[in-house]
Amino acid sequence: MVAAAISTRARATAVTGGTGAGQSHGQGAKVKKSRGSAATWVMIGVPVLLALTLAWQIGSSLLRSEIALRDPVAVSRVSLESDPLGSRIDFVVVDKSGQETTVNGDLTVKLREPDGTVWQTARTVAAADFVPLPEGGLLASRVGYSVVVPATDWLRAPRRGGSATVSINVQPTDGTPFSTVAEERFP
């Protein structure tokens, strides 16, 4: 470590005045006042400025608002699963940091078979509708939303390994709409 020697030089400043308090020599008394050099201020000021900058960076990250981060921005993953009542579409909504979140708003789900047949539903969802997804699926235990396509509506669900196109559109009540289209294989 290299230590720099700080040199200070006292500068004499003449203060003239009358006989006031603290002046014992009369009207023409001179008082010496010392003032630090510019190098002293730089040597003290730069580390203090760096310490304040470091404190600001740490403090600002701790005080960051979590509200904006929890706003839903995308559908992370979609899966098509078999269900005792028919076929189940599971999906997970995420925020800007990729964390699972919920959404209040309108939801439209479309399922297109390879032959072009379309099944569609539109509904209003609330944050309470997002729950841990059922075990046994690709998205098991993640917080998400499930839509069951009744066997009566989708008479010819794809056989094992068959594919279908799933489209999900979300219009949050207080945010920007988002959507996704996924080509899913039937389990």
C-alpha atoms as a PDB file:
ATOM      1  CA  MET A   1       0.000   0.000   0.000  1.00  0.00           C
ATOM      2  CA  VAL A   2       1.315   3.414  -0.864  1.00  0.00           C
ATOM      3  CA  ALA A   3       0.631   6.245   1.510  1.00  0.00           C
ATOM      4  CA  ALA A   4       0.686   9.792   0.290  1.00  0.00           C
ATOM      5  CA  ALA A   5       1.937  12.471   2.609  1.00  0.00           C
ATOM      6  CA  ILE A   6      -0.475  15.305   3.013  1.00  0.00           C
ATOM      7  CA  SER A   7       1.185  18.647   3.343  1.00  0.00           C
ATOM      8  CA  THR A   8      -0.679  21.646   4.559  1.00  0.00           C
ATOM      9  CA  ARG A   9       0.517  25.158   4.546  1.00  0.00           C
ATOM     10  CA  ALA A  10      -0.838  27.760   6.836  1.00  0.00           C
ATOM     11  CA  ARG A  11      -1.826  30.968   5.161  1.00  0.00           C
ATOM     12  CA  ALA A  12      -1.966  34.150   7.072  1.00  0.00           C
ATOM     13  CA  THR A  13      -5.063  36.202   6.649  1.00  0.00           C
ATOM     14  CA  ALA A  14      -5.131  39.705   8.016  1.00  0.00           C
ATOM     15  CA  VAL A  15      -8.285  40.694   9.817  1.00  0.00           C
ATOM     16  CA  THR A  16      -8.496  44.286  10.832  1.00  0.00           C
ATOM     17  CA  GLY A  17     -11.087  45.633  13.047  1.00  0.00           C
ATOM     18  CA  GLY A  18     -11.887  47.648  16.103  1.00  0.00           C
ATOM     19  CA  THR A  19     -11.549  46.658  19.671  1.00  0.00           C
ATOM     20  CA  GLY A  20     -14.088  43.969  19.937  1.00  0.00           C
ATOM     21  CA  ALA A  21     -14.386  40.830  21.918  1.00  0.00           C
ATOM     22  CA  GLY A  22     -11.363  38.602  21.495  1.00  0.00           C
ATOM     23  CA  GLN A  23      -9.046  41.369  20.298  1.00  0.00           C
ATOM     24  CA  SER A  24      -6.572  42.204  22.923  1.00  0.00           C
ATOM     25  CA  HIS A  25      -4.069  44.126  20.854  1.00  0.00           C
ATOM     26  CA  GLY A  26      -6.167  46.987  19.672  1.00  0.00           C
ATOM     27  CA  GLN A  27      -7.416  48.183  16.337  1.00  0.00           C
ATOM     28  CA  GLY A  28      -4.784  46.796  13.957  1.00  0.00           C
ATOM     29  CA  ALA A  29      -4.577  43.200  15.270  1.00  0.00           C
ATOM     30  CA  LYS A  30      -3.920  40.435  12.775  1.00  0.00           C
ATOM     31  CA  VAL A  31      -5.371  36.939  13.283  1.00  0.00           C
ATOM     32  CA  LYS A  32      -3.859  33.924  11.529  1.00  0.00           C
ATOM     33  CA  LYS A  33      -6.355  31.524   9.971  1.00  0.00           C
ATOM     34  CA  SER A  34      -5.269  28.250   8.386  1.00  0.00           C
ATOM     35  CA  ARG A  35      -7.021  26.828   5.331  1.00  0.00           C
ATOM     36  CA  GLY A  36      -6.385  23.344   3.889  1.00  0.00           C
ATOM     37  CA  SER A  37      -4.902  22.998   0.439  1.00  0.00           C
ATOM     38  CA  ALA A  38      -6.843  21.675  -2.549  1.00  0.00           C
ATOM     39  CA  ALA A  39      -4.989  18.352  -2.334  1.00  0.00           C
ATOM     40  CA  THR A  40      -6.327  17.815   1.183  1.00  0.00           C
ATOM     41  CA  TRP A  41      -9.891  18.342   0.034  1.00  0.00           C
ATOM     42  CA  VAL A  42      -9.394  15.962  -2.904  1.00  0.00           C
ATOM     43  CA  MET A  43      -7.817  13.276  -0.688  1.00  0.00           C
ATOM     44  CA  ILE A  44     -10.763  13.450   1.708  1.00  0.00           C
ATOM     45  CA  GLY A  45     -13.524  14.228  -0.782  1.00  0.00           C
ATOM     46  CA  VAL A  46     -12.937  11.455  -3.333  1.00  0.00           C
ATOM     47  CA  PRO A  47     -13.219   8.542  -0.846  1.00  0.00           C
ATOM     48  CA  VAL A  48     -16.262  10.156   0.777  1.00  0.00           C
ATOM     49  CA  LEU A  49     -17.890  10.574  -2.638  1.00  0.00           C
ATOM     50  CA  LEU A  50     -17.133   6.926  -3.527  1.00  0.00           C
ATOM     51  CA  ALA A  51     -18.560   5.737  -0.204  1.00  0.00           C
ATOM     52  CA  LEU A  52     -21.747   7.754  -0.788  1.00  0.00           C
ATOM     53  CA  THR A  53     -22.076   6.333  -4.312  1.00  0.00           C
ATOM     54  CA  LEU A  54     -21.696   2.779  -3.001  1.00  0.00           C
ATOM     55  CA  ALA A  55     -24.286   3.428  -0.277  1.00  0.00           C
ATOM     56  CA  TRP A  56     -26.670   4.860  -2.895  1.00  0.00           C
ATOM     57  CA  GLN A  57     -26.312   1.790  -5.141  1.00  0.00           C
ATOM     58  CA  ILE A  58     -26.958  -0.615  -2.286  1.00  0.00           C
ATOM     59  CA  GLY A  59     -29.765   1.460  -0.808  1.00  0.00           C
ATOM     60  CA  SER A  60     -31.587   2.048  -4.089  1.00  0.00           C
ATOM     61  CA  SER A  61     -31.692  -1.681  -4.866  1.00  0.00           C
ATOM     62  CA  LEU A  62     -33.139  -2.387  -1.411  1.00  0.00           C
ATOM     63  CA  LEU A  63     -35.771   0.316  -1.775  1.00  0.00           C
ATOM     64  CA  ARG A  64     -36.871  -0.772  -5.256  1.00  0.00           C
ATOM     65  CA  SER A  65     -40.628  -1.065  -5.584  1.00  0.00           C
ATOM     66  CA  GLU A  66     -41.905  -4.608  -6.002  1.00  0.00           C
ATOM     67  CA  ILE A  67     -45.294  -3.441  -7.270  1.00  0.00           C
ATOM     68  CA  ALA A  68     -44.146  -2.744 -10.830  1.00  0.00           C
ATOM     69  CA  LEU A  69     -42.296  -6.047 -10.994  1.00  0.00           C
ATOM     70  CA  ARG A  70     -45.391  -8.067 -10.086  1.00  0.00           C
ATOM     71  CA  ASP A  71     -47.385  -6.801 -13.065  1.00  0.00           C
ATOM     72  CA  PRO A  72     -48.021  -9.681 -15.505  1.00  0.00           C
ATOM     73  CA  VAL A  73     -46.271  -9.300 -18.861  1.00  0.00           C
ATOM     74  CA  ALA A  74     -46.281 -12.727 -20.545  1.00  0.00           C
ATOM     75  CA  VAL A  75     -47.388 -16.327 -20.558  1.00  0.00           C
ATOM     76  CA  SER A  76     -44.324 -18.331 -19.592  1.00  0.00           C
ATOM     77  CA  ARG A  77     -45.326 -21.829 -20.575  1.00  0.00           C
ATOM     78  CA  VAL A  78     -48.384 -23.652 -21.902  1.00  0.00           C
ATOM     79  CA  SER A  79     -49.054 -27.371 -21.622  1.00  0.00           C
ATOM     80  CA  LEU A  80     -51.782 -29.628 -22.937  1.00  0.00           C
ATOM     81  CA  GLU A  81     -52.602 -32.443 -20.502  1.00  0.00           C
ATOM     82  CA  SER A  82     -55.136 -35.259 -20.358  1.00  0.00           C
ATOM     83  CA  ASP A  83     -57.843 -34.895 -17.717  1.00  0.00           C
ATOM     84  CA  PRO A  84     -60.651 -37.199 -16.522  1.00  0.00           C
ATOM     85  CA  LEU A  85     -63.154 -34.614 -17.812  1.00  0.00           C
ATOM     86  CA  GLY A  86     -61.498 -34.151 -21.200  1.00  0.00           C
ATOM     87  CA  SER A  87     -58.291 -32.254 -21.981  1.00  0.00           C
ATOM     88  CA  ARG A  88     -56.667 -29.619 -19.779  1.00  0.00           C
ATOM     89  CA  ILE A  89     -54.728 -26.548 -20.865  1.00  0.00           C
ATOM     90  CA  ASP A  90     -52.348 -25.317 -18.148  1.00  0.00           C
ATOM     91  CA  PHE A  91     -50.401 -22.079 -18.334  1.00  0.00           C
ATOM     92  CA  VAL A  92     -48.255 -19.868 -16.111  1.00  0.00           C
ATOM     93  CA  VAL A  93     -48.187 -16.051 -16.193  1.00  0.00           C
ATOM     94  CA  VAL A  94     -44.936 -14.267 -15.319  1.00  0.00           C
ATOM     95  CA  ASP A  95     -43.769 -10.739 -14.452  1.00  0.00           C
ATOM     96  CA  LYS A  96     -40.807  -8.779 -15.852  1.00  0.00           C
ATOM     97  CA  SER A  97     -38.304 -10.693 -13.751  1.00  0.00           C
ATOM     98  CA  GLY A  98     -39.701 -14.085 -14.836  1.00  0.00           C
ATOM     99  CA  GLN A  99     -41.400 -14.848 -11.510  1.00  0.00           C
ATOM    100  CA  GLU A 100     -44.825 -16.477 -11.463  1.00  0.00           C
ATOM    101  CA  THR A 101     -47.640 -14.020 -10.845  1.00  0.00           C
ATOM    102  CA  THR A 102     -51.394 -13.693 -11.206  1.00  0.00           C
ATOM    103  CA  VAL A 103     -53.627 -11.482 -13.318  1.00  0.00           C
ATOM    104  CA  ASN A 104     -57.033  -9.837 -13.047  1.00  0.00           C
ATOM    105  CA  GLY A 105     -58.708  -9.367 -16.410  1.00  0.00           C
ATOM    106  CA  ASP A 106     -60.157 -11.076 -19.445  1.00  0.00           C
ATOM    107  CA  LEU A 107     -58.822 -14.346 -20.820  1.00  0.00           C
ATOM    108  CA  THR A 108     -59.409 -15.912 -24.235  1.00  0.00           C
ATOM    109  CA  VAL A 109     -58.211 -19.450 -24.953  1.00  0.00           C
ATOM    110  CA  LYS A 110     -58.335 -21.042 -28.418  1.00  0.00           C
ATOM    111  CA  LEU A 111     -57.498 -24.618 -29.228  1.00  0.00           C
ATOM    112  CA  ARG A 112     -57.024 -25.466 -32.913  1.00  0.00           C
ATOM    113  CA  GLU A 113     -56.889 -29.054 -34.065  1.00  0.00           C
ATOM    114  CA  PRO A 114     -54.662 -30.057 -36.974  1.00  0.00           C
ATOM    115  CA  ASP A 115     -57.749 -30.365 -39.208  1.00  0.00           C
ATOM    116  CA  GLY A 116     -58.663 -26.719 -38.476  1.00  0.00           C
ATOM    117  CA  THR A 117     -61.463 -27.226 -35.944  1.00  0.00           C
ATOM    118  CA  VAL A 118     -61.376 -24.522 -33.247  1.00  0.00           C
ATOM    119  CA  TRP A 119     -62.574 -24.656 -29.650  1.00  0.00           C
ATOM    120  CA  GLN A 120     -62.638 -21.270 -27.866  1.00  0.00           C
ATOM    121  CA  THR A 121     -63.603 -19.865 -24.491  1.00  0.00           C
ATOM    122  CA  ALA A 122     -63.538 -16.354 -23.061  1.00  0.00           C
ATOM    123  CA  ARG A 123     -63.827 -15.588 -19.366  1.00  0.00           C
ATOM    124  CA  THR A 124     -62.922 -13.099 -16.701  1.00  0.00           C
ATOM    125  CA  VAL A 125     -60.183 -14.253 -14.305  1.00  0.00           C
ATOM    126  CA  ALA A 126     -59.119 -13.005 -10.886  1.00  0.00           C
ATOM    127  CA  ALA A 127     -55.903 -13.445  -8.926  1.00  0.00           C
ATOM    128  CA  ALA A 128     -57.646 -16.017  -6.702  1.00  0.00           C
ATOM    129  CA  ASP A 129     -58.195 -18.265  -9.771  1.00  0.00           C
ATOM    130  CA  PHE A 130     -54.445 -18.867 -10.086  1.00  0.00           C
ATOM    131  CA  VAL A 131     -53.511 -21.869  -7.953  1.00  0.00           C
ATOM    132  CA  PRO A 132     -50.755 -24.508  -7.893  1.00  0.00           C
ATOM    133  CA  LEU A 133     -51.274 -26.662 -10.970  1.00  0.00           C
ATOM    134  CA  PRO A 134     -52.162 -30.365 -10.535  1.00  0.00           C
ATOM    135  CA  GLU A 135     -49.477 -33.013 -10.054  1.00  0.00           C
ATOM    136  CA  GLY A 136     -48.569 -35.248 -12.960  1.00  0.00           C
ATOM    137  CA  GLY A 137     -48.361 -32.491 -15.557  1.00  0.00           C
ATOM    138  CA  LEU A 138     -45.450 -30.612 -17.064  1.00  0.00           C
ATOM    139  CA  LEU A 139     -46.164 -27.519 -14.948  1.00  0.00           C
ATOM    140  CA  ALA A 140     -47.005 -29.417 -11.739  1.00  0.00           C
ATOM    141  CA  SER A 141     -47.077 -27.316  -8.549  1.00  0.00           C
ATOM    142  CA  ARG A 142     -46.302 -24.037 -10.351  1.00  0.00           C
ATOM    143  CA  VAL A 143     -48.825 -21.254  -9.760  1.00  0.00           C
ATOM    144  CA  GLY A 144     -50.947 -21.011 -12.869  1.00  0.00           C
ATOM    145  CA  TYR A 145     -54.364 -21.355 -14.435  1.00  0.00           C
ATOM    146  CA  SER A 146     -56.115 -24.406 -15.893  1.00  0.00           C
ATOM    147  CA  VAL A 147     -58.834 -24.560 -18.526  1.00  0.00           C
ATOM    148  CA  VAL A 148     -60.562 -27.890 -19.076  1.00  0.00           C
ATOM    149  CA  VAL A 149     -61.887 -28.644 -22.556  1.00  0.00           C
ATOM    150  CA  PRO A 150     -64.812 -31.010 -21.930  1.00  0.00           C
ATOM    151  CA  ALA A 151     -64.746 -34.310 -23.779  1.00  0.00           C
ATOM    152  CA  THR A 152     -68.187 -33.429 -25.169  1.00  0.00           C
ATOM    153  CA  ASP A 153     -66.744 -30.312 -26.871  1.00  0.00           C
ATOM    154  CA  TRP A 154     -63.574 -31.900 -28.202  1.00  0.00           C
ATOM    155  CA  LEU A 155     -64.773 -35.242 -29.437  1.00  0.00           C
ATOM    156  CA  ARG A 156     -61.623 -36.105 -31.316  1.00  0.00           C
ATOM    157  CA  ALA A 157     -58.804 -35.132 -28.999  1.00  0.00           C
ATOM    158  CA  PRO A 158     -55.451 -35.893 -30.634  1.00  0.00           C
ATOM    159  CA  ARG A 159     -54.113 -39.354 -29.980  1.00  0.00           C
ATOM    160  CA  ARG A 160     -51.038 -39.700 -27.843  1.00  0.00           C
ATOM    161  CA  GLY A 161     -48.261 -37.617 -29.396  1.00  0.00           C
ATOM    162  CA  GLY A 162     -50.659 -35.699 -31.649  1.00  0.00           C
ATOM    163  CA  SER A 163     -50.430 -31.934 -31.721  1.00  0.00           C
ATOM    164  CA  ALA A 164     -52.753 -28.970 -31.345  1.00  0.00           C
ATOM    165  CA  THR A 165     -52.229 -25.210 -31.402  1.00  0.00           C
ATOM    166  CA  VAL A 166     -53.105 -23.321 -28.221  1.00  0.00           C
ATOM    167  CA  SER A 167     -53.581 -19.528 -28.308  1.00  0.00           C
ATOM    168  CA  ILE A 168     -53.910 -17.544 -25.102  1.00  0.00           C
ATOM    169  CA  ASN A 169     -54.806 -13.826 -25.030  1.00  0.00           C
ATOM    170  CA  VAL A 170     -54.855 -11.908 -21.746  1.00  0.00           C
ATOM    171  CA  GLN A 171     -56.231  -8.396 -21.263  1.00  0.00           C
ATOM    172  CA  PRO A 172     -55.343  -7.258 -17.710  1.00  0.00           C
ATOM    173  CA  THR A 173     -57.759  -4.776 -16.136  1.00  0.00           C
ATOM    174  CA  ASP A 174     -54.889  -2.369 -15.442  1.00  0.00           C
ATOM    175  CA  GLY A 175     -52.075  -3.232 -17.786  1.00  0.00           C
ATOM    176  CA  THR A 176     -50.870  -4.021 -21.277  1.00  0.00           C
ATOM    177  CA  PRO A 177     -52.431  -7.007 -23.073  1.00  0.00           C
ATOM    178  CA  PHE A 178     -50.240  -9.980 -23.926  1.00  0.00           C
ATOM    179  CA  SER A 179     -50.671 -13.279 -25.747  1.00  0.00           C
ATOM    180  CA  THR A 180     -48.929 -16.446 -26.799  1.00  0.00           C
ATOM    181  CA  VAL A 181     -49.367 -19.197 -29.380  1.00  0.00           C
ATOM    182  CA  ALA A 182     -47.953 -22.638 -28.644  1.00  0.00           C
ATOM    183  CA  GLU A 183     -47.831 -25.845 -30.617  1.00  0.00           C
ATOM    184  CA  GLU A 184     -48.424 -28.509 -27.971  1.00  0.00           C
ATOM    185  CA  ARG A 185     -48.191 -32.278 -28.146  1.00  0.00           C
ATOM    186  CA  PHE A 186     -50.952 -34.251 -26.528  1.00  0.00           C
ATOM    187  CA  PRO A 187     -49.555 -36.494 -23.763  1.00  0.00           C
END
